[in-house]
């Protein structure tokens, strides 16, 4: 079966998804962060989640070398953070508040609808992407916040 890759992107864009920013720390101790909408829960027992990064994208190798991640489920007022971490800038954390629990932990951005801290469990090659299967180690949620949604190239608001 053959079809245009643009058509595939358009079809996939018709599926509304939440938006996450995944953070980690490079081998040099520098904060890493990238916008990811390929994210899913996998298992309750044990608690596992996954996210996907393209091999050609920013920081894929650095994320592979990391072992700790923080997956931020962005709130509906964090479109600017989504755009910043999706951009090709060198220092995406410049001017962005964040904290770290320890030397090996991933940076955590405040104000999100939820944050999932996790450890690398397994890496799975899948076409032009790498699937990061992660074991959940800590959770935070703000039940008052609504999630940022991505749909057909924009950020619609929940009613």
C-alpha atoms as a PDB file:
ATOM      1  CA  UNK A   1       0.000   0.000   0.000  1.00  0.00           C
ATOM      2  CA  UNK A   2       1.372   3.402  -0.935  1.00  0.00           C
ATOM      3  CA  UNK A   3       0.233   6.776   0.284  1.00  0.00           C
ATOM      4  CA  UNK A   4       1.686  10.214   0.722  1.00  0.00           C
ATOM      5  CA  UNK A   5       3.458  10.880   4.046  1.00  0.00           C
ATOM      6  CA  UNK A   6       1.563  14.212   4.264  1.00  0.00           C
ATOM      7  CA  UNK A   7      -1.725  12.287   4.184  1.00  0.00           C
ATOM      8  CA  UNK A   8      -0.447  10.043   6.984  1.00  0.00           C
ATOM      9  CA  UNK A   9       0.453  13.129   9.066  1.00  0.00           C
ATOM     10  CA  UNK A  10      -2.967  14.682   8.377  1.00  0.00           C
ATOM     11  CA  UNK A  11      -4.763  11.507   9.422  1.00  0.00           C
ATOM     12  CA  UNK A  12      -2.693  11.198  12.609  1.00  0.00           C
ATOM     13  CA  UNK A  13      -3.308  14.899  13.338  1.00  0.00           C
ATOM     14  CA  UNK A  14      -7.028  14.115  13.383  1.00  0.00           C
ATOM     15  CA  UNK A  15      -6.469  12.209  16.624  1.00  0.00           C
ATOM     16  CA  UNK A  16      -6.519  14.727  19.481  1.00  0.00           C
ATOM     17  CA  UNK A  17      -3.702  14.075  21.948  1.00  0.00           C
ATOM     18  CA  UNK A  18      -2.400  15.548  25.128  1.00  0.00           C
ATOM     19  CA  UNK A  19       0.944  17.282  24.938  1.00  0.00           C
ATOM     20  CA  UNK A  20       3.944  16.439  27.071  1.00  0.00           C
ATOM     21  CA  UNK A  21       7.423  17.805  27.572  1.00  0.00           C
ATOM     22  CA  UNK A  22       9.918  15.097  28.480  1.00  0.00           C
ATOM     23  CA  UNK A  23      12.995  16.209  30.385  1.00  0.00           C
ATOM     24  CA  UNK A  24      16.222  14.535  31.377  1.00  0.00           C
ATOM     25  CA  UNK A  25      19.847  15.390  32.103  1.00  0.00           C
ATOM     26  CA  UNK A  26      22.684  14.910  29.632  1.00  0.00           C
ATOM     27  CA  UNK A  27      25.896  13.059  30.458  1.00  0.00           C
ATOM     28  CA  UNK A  28      27.457  16.529  30.895  1.00  0.00           C
ATOM     29  CA  UNK A  29      24.838  17.427  33.537  1.00  0.00           C
ATOM     30  CA  UNK A  30      22.925  19.809  31.258  1.00  0.00           C
ATOM     31  CA  UNK A  31      19.106  19.826  31.258  1.00  0.00           C
ATOM     32  CA  UNK A  32      17.406  18.268  28.219  1.00  0.00           C
ATOM     33  CA  UNK A  33      13.818  18.781  27.172  1.00  0.00           C
ATOM     34  CA  UNK A  34      11.632  18.084  24.153  1.00  0.00           C
ATOM     35  CA  UNK A  35       7.930  18.313  23.303  1.00  0.00           C
ATOM     36  CA  UNK A  36       6.411  14.851  22.783  1.00  0.00           C
ATOM     37  CA  UNK A  37       2.856  13.887  21.890  1.00  0.00           C
ATOM     38  CA  UNK A  38       3.674  10.202  21.324  1.00  0.00           C
ATOM     39  CA  UNK A  39       3.070   9.201  24.935  1.00  0.00           C
ATOM     40  CA  UNK A  40       0.958   6.476  26.522  1.00  0.00           C
ATOM     41  CA  UNK A  41       0.391   4.513  29.680  1.00  0.00           C
ATOM     42  CA  UNK A  42       1.320   0.861  29.214  1.00  0.00           C
ATOM     43  CA  UNK A  43       0.814  -1.093  32.438  1.00  0.00           C
ATOM     44  CA  UNK A  44      -0.610  -0.635  35.939  1.00  0.00           C
ATOM     45  CA  UNK A  45       1.369  -3.513  37.483  1.00  0.00           C
ATOM     46  CA  UNK A  46       4.138  -2.635  37.291  1.00  0.00           C
ATOM     47  CA  UNK A  47       3.433   1.012  36.432  1.00  0.00           C
ATOM     48  CA  UNK A  48       4.940   1.591  32.965  1.00  0.00           C
ATOM     49  CA  UNK A  49       4.620   4.420  30.439  1.00  0.00           C
ATOM     50  CA  UNK A  50       6.163   5.052  27.049  1.00  0.00           C
ATOM     51  CA  UNK A  51       7.183   7.946  24.847  1.00  0.00           C
ATOM     52  CA  UNK A  52       8.695   7.974  21.375  1.00  0.00           C
ATOM     53  CA  UNK A  53      11.468  10.085  19.852  1.00  0.00           C
ATOM     54  CA  UNK A  54      12.513  10.222  16.213  1.00  0.00           C
ATOM     55  CA  UNK A  55      16.104   9.243  15.536  1.00  0.00           C
ATOM     56  CA  UNK A  56      16.594  12.396  13.472  1.00  0.00           C
ATOM     57  CA  UNK A  57      15.126  14.654  16.154  1.00  0.00           C
ATOM     58  CA  UNK A  58      16.886  16.735  18.723  1.00  0.00           C
ATOM     59  CA  UNK A  59      18.541  14.886  21.597  1.00  0.00           C
ATOM     60  CA  UNK A  60      17.443  11.305  20.783  1.00  0.00           C
ATOM     61  CA  UNK A  61      20.938   9.946  21.490  1.00  0.00           C
ATOM     62  CA  UNK A  62      21.253  12.012  24.675  1.00  0.00           C
ATOM     63  CA  UNK A  63      17.910  10.715  25.948  1.00  0.00           C
ATOM     64  CA  UNK A  64      19.071   7.157  25.151  1.00  0.00           C
ATOM     65  CA  UNK A  65      22.124   7.702  27.330  1.00  0.00           C
ATOM     66  CA  UNK A  66      20.003   9.049  30.194  1.00  0.00           C
ATOM     67  CA  UNK A  67      18.231   6.859  32.667  1.00  0.00           C
ATOM     68  CA  UNK A  68      15.881   9.280  34.461  1.00  0.00           C
ATOM     69  CA  UNK A  69      13.039  11.198  32.856  1.00  0.00           C
ATOM     70  CA  UNK A  70      10.229  13.523  33.884  1.00  0.00           C
ATOM     71  CA  UNK A  71       7.172  13.495  31.641  1.00  0.00           C
ATOM     72  CA  UNK A  72       5.177  16.704  32.035  1.00  0.00           C
ATOM     73  CA  UNK A  73       1.531  16.591  31.003  1.00  0.00           C
ATOM     74  CA  UNK A  74       1.157  20.225  30.046  1.00  0.00           C
ATOM     75  CA  UNK A  75      -1.713  22.378  31.297  1.00  0.00           C
ATOM     76  CA  UNK A  76      -3.902  24.303  28.852  1.00  0.00           C
ATOM     77  CA  UNK A  77      -2.076  27.551  29.711  1.00  0.00           C
ATOM     78  CA  UNK A  78       1.352  26.123  28.787  1.00  0.00           C
ATOM     79  CA  UNK A  79       1.230  26.395  24.990  1.00  0.00           C
ATOM     80  CA  UNK A  80       4.311  28.632  25.145  1.00  0.00           C
ATOM     81  CA  UNK A  81       6.277  25.864  26.899  1.00  0.00           C
ATOM     82  CA  UNK A  82       5.091  23.354  24.292  1.00  0.00           C
ATOM     83  CA  UNK A  83       6.293  25.623  21.475  1.00  0.00           C
ATOM     84  CA  UNK A  84       9.616  26.389  23.159  1.00  0.00           C
ATOM     85  CA  UNK A  85      10.516  22.728  23.693  1.00  0.00           C
ATOM     86  CA  UNK A  86       9.390  21.873  20.135  1.00  0.00           C
ATOM     87  CA  UNK A  87      11.692  24.527  18.647  1.00  0.00           C
ATOM     88  CA  UNK A  88      15.278  23.923  17.470  1.00  0.00           C
ATOM     89  CA  UNK A  89      16.785  26.297  20.096  1.00  0.00           C
ATOM     90  CA  UNK A  90      20.001  25.286  21.820  1.00  0.00           C
ATOM     91  CA  UNK A  91      19.049  26.131  25.412  1.00  0.00           C
ATOM     92  CA  UNK A  92      15.342  25.477  25.774  1.00  0.00           C
ATOM     93  CA  UNK A  93      15.543  25.921  29.559  1.00  0.00           C
ATOM     94  CA  UNK A  94      16.783  29.503  29.340  1.00  0.00           C
ATOM     95  CA  UNK A  95      14.268  31.513  31.403  1.00  0.00           C
ATOM     96  CA  UNK A  96      12.177  28.429  32.312  1.00  0.00           C
ATOM     97  CA  UNK A  97      11.766  27.667  36.027  1.00  0.00           C
ATOM     98  CA  UNK A  98      12.617  24.093  36.941  1.00  0.00           C
ATOM     99  CA  UNK A  99      13.785  22.053  39.901  1.00  0.00           C
ATOM    100  CA  UNK A 100      15.740  18.824  40.359  1.00  0.00           C
ATOM    101  CA  UNK A 101      15.328  16.423  43.273  1.00  0.00           C
ATOM    102  CA  UNK A 102      18.901  15.118  42.971  1.00  0.00           C
ATOM    103  CA  UNK A 103      22.012  14.822  40.821  1.00  0.00           C
ATOM    104  CA  UNK A 104      20.592  12.007  38.687  1.00  0.00           C
ATOM    105  CA  UNK A 105      17.009  13.255  38.523  1.00  0.00           C
ATOM    106  CA  UNK A 106      15.355  14.953  35.567  1.00  0.00           C
ATOM    107  CA  UNK A 107      14.384  18.630  35.668  1.00  0.00           C
ATOM    108  CA  UNK A 108      10.772  19.251  36.716  1.00  0.00           C
ATOM    109  CA  UNK A 109       8.830  22.212  35.287  1.00  0.00           C
ATOM    110  CA  UNK A 110       6.176  23.687  37.613  1.00  0.00           C
ATOM    111  CA  UNK A 111       2.568  24.460  36.710  1.00  0.00           C
ATOM    112  CA  UNK A 112       1.803  21.273  34.765  1.00  0.00           C
ATOM    113  CA  UNK A 113      -1.422  19.288  34.942  1.00  0.00           C
ATOM    114  CA  UNK A 114       0.670  16.263  36.002  1.00  0.00           C
ATOM    115  CA  UNK A 115       4.270  15.054  36.182  1.00  0.00           C
ATOM    116  CA  UNK A 116       5.458  11.458  35.884  1.00  0.00           C
ATOM    117  CA  UNK A 117       8.999  10.730  37.021  1.00  0.00           C
ATOM    118  CA  UNK A 118      10.405   7.510  35.653  1.00  0.00           C
ATOM    119  CA  UNK A 119      13.455   5.389  34.925  1.00  0.00           C
ATOM    120  CA  UNK A 120      14.448   3.855  31.600  1.00  0.00           C
ATOM    121  CA  UNK A 121      13.186   0.262  31.503  1.00  0.00           C
ATOM    122  CA  UNK A 122      13.624  -0.778  27.865  1.00  0.00           C
ATOM    123  CA  UNK A 123      14.409   0.818  24.497  1.00  0.00           C
ATOM    124  CA  UNK A 124      12.589  -0.536  21.439  1.00  0.00           C
ATOM    125  CA  UNK A 125      13.470   0.284  17.841  1.00  0.00           C
ATOM    126  CA  UNK A 126      10.384   1.069  15.756  1.00  0.00           C
ATOM    127  CA  UNK A 127      10.943   2.371  12.223  1.00  0.00           C
ATOM    128  CA  UNK A 128      12.380   5.879  12.331  1.00  0.00           C
ATOM    129  CA  UNK A 129      11.559   6.236  16.051  1.00  0.00           C
ATOM    130  CA  UNK A 130      12.823   4.861  19.338  1.00  0.00           C
ATOM    131  CA  UNK A 131      10.292   3.808  21.971  1.00  0.00           C
ATOM    132  CA  UNK A 132      11.324   4.586  25.537  1.00  0.00           C
ATOM    133  CA  UNK A 133       9.536   2.180  27.886  1.00  0.00           C
ATOM    134  CA  UNK A 134       9.841   3.588  31.399  1.00  0.00           C
ATOM    135  CA  UNK A 135       9.142   2.421  34.964  1.00  0.00           C
ATOM    136  CA  UNK A 136       7.233   5.037  36.968  1.00  0.00           C
ATOM    137  CA  UNK A 137       8.927   6.135  40.221  1.00  0.00           C
ATOM    138  CA  UNK A 138       6.935   9.203  41.288  1.00  0.00           C
ATOM    139  CA  UNK A 139       3.681  10.975  40.339  1.00  0.00           C
ATOM    140  CA  UNK A 140       2.162  14.434  40.850  1.00  0.00           C
ATOM    141  CA  UNK A 141      -1.181  15.738  39.655  1.00  0.00           C
ATOM    142  CA  UNK A 142      -3.061  19.045  39.878  1.00  0.00           C
ATOM    143  CA  UNK A 143      -6.724  18.103  39.500  1.00  0.00           C
ATOM    144  CA  UNK A 144      -7.652  21.775  39.002  1.00  0.00           C
ATOM    145  CA  UNK A 145      -5.668  22.070  35.756  1.00  0.00           C
ATOM    146  CA  UNK A 146      -7.012  21.093  32.335  1.00  0.00           C
ATOM    147  CA  UNK A 147      -4.602  19.463  29.852  1.00  0.00           C
ATOM    148  CA  UNK A 148      -3.144  21.103  26.768  1.00  0.00           C
ATOM    149  CA  UNK A 149      -4.538  19.329  23.700  1.00  0.00           C
ATOM    150  CA  UNK A 150      -3.083  19.119  20.210  1.00  0.00           C
ATOM    151  CA  UNK A 151      -5.425  18.638  17.259  1.00  0.00           C
ATOM    152  CA  UNK A 152      -4.827  19.345  13.567  1.00  0.00           C
ATOM    153  CA  UNK A 153      -1.947  21.715  14.195  1.00  0.00           C
ATOM    154  CA  UNK A 154      -3.565  23.729  16.990  1.00  0.00           C
ATOM    155  CA  UNK A 155      -4.448  23.770  20.672  1.00  0.00           C
ATOM    156  CA  UNK A 156      -8.233  23.559  21.148  1.00  0.00           C
ATOM    157  CA  UNK A 157      -9.599  24.228  24.646  1.00  0.00           C
ATOM    158  CA  UNK A 158     -11.786  21.823  26.581  1.00  0.00           C
ATOM    159  CA  UNK A 159     -15.279  23.131  27.278  1.00  0.00           C
END
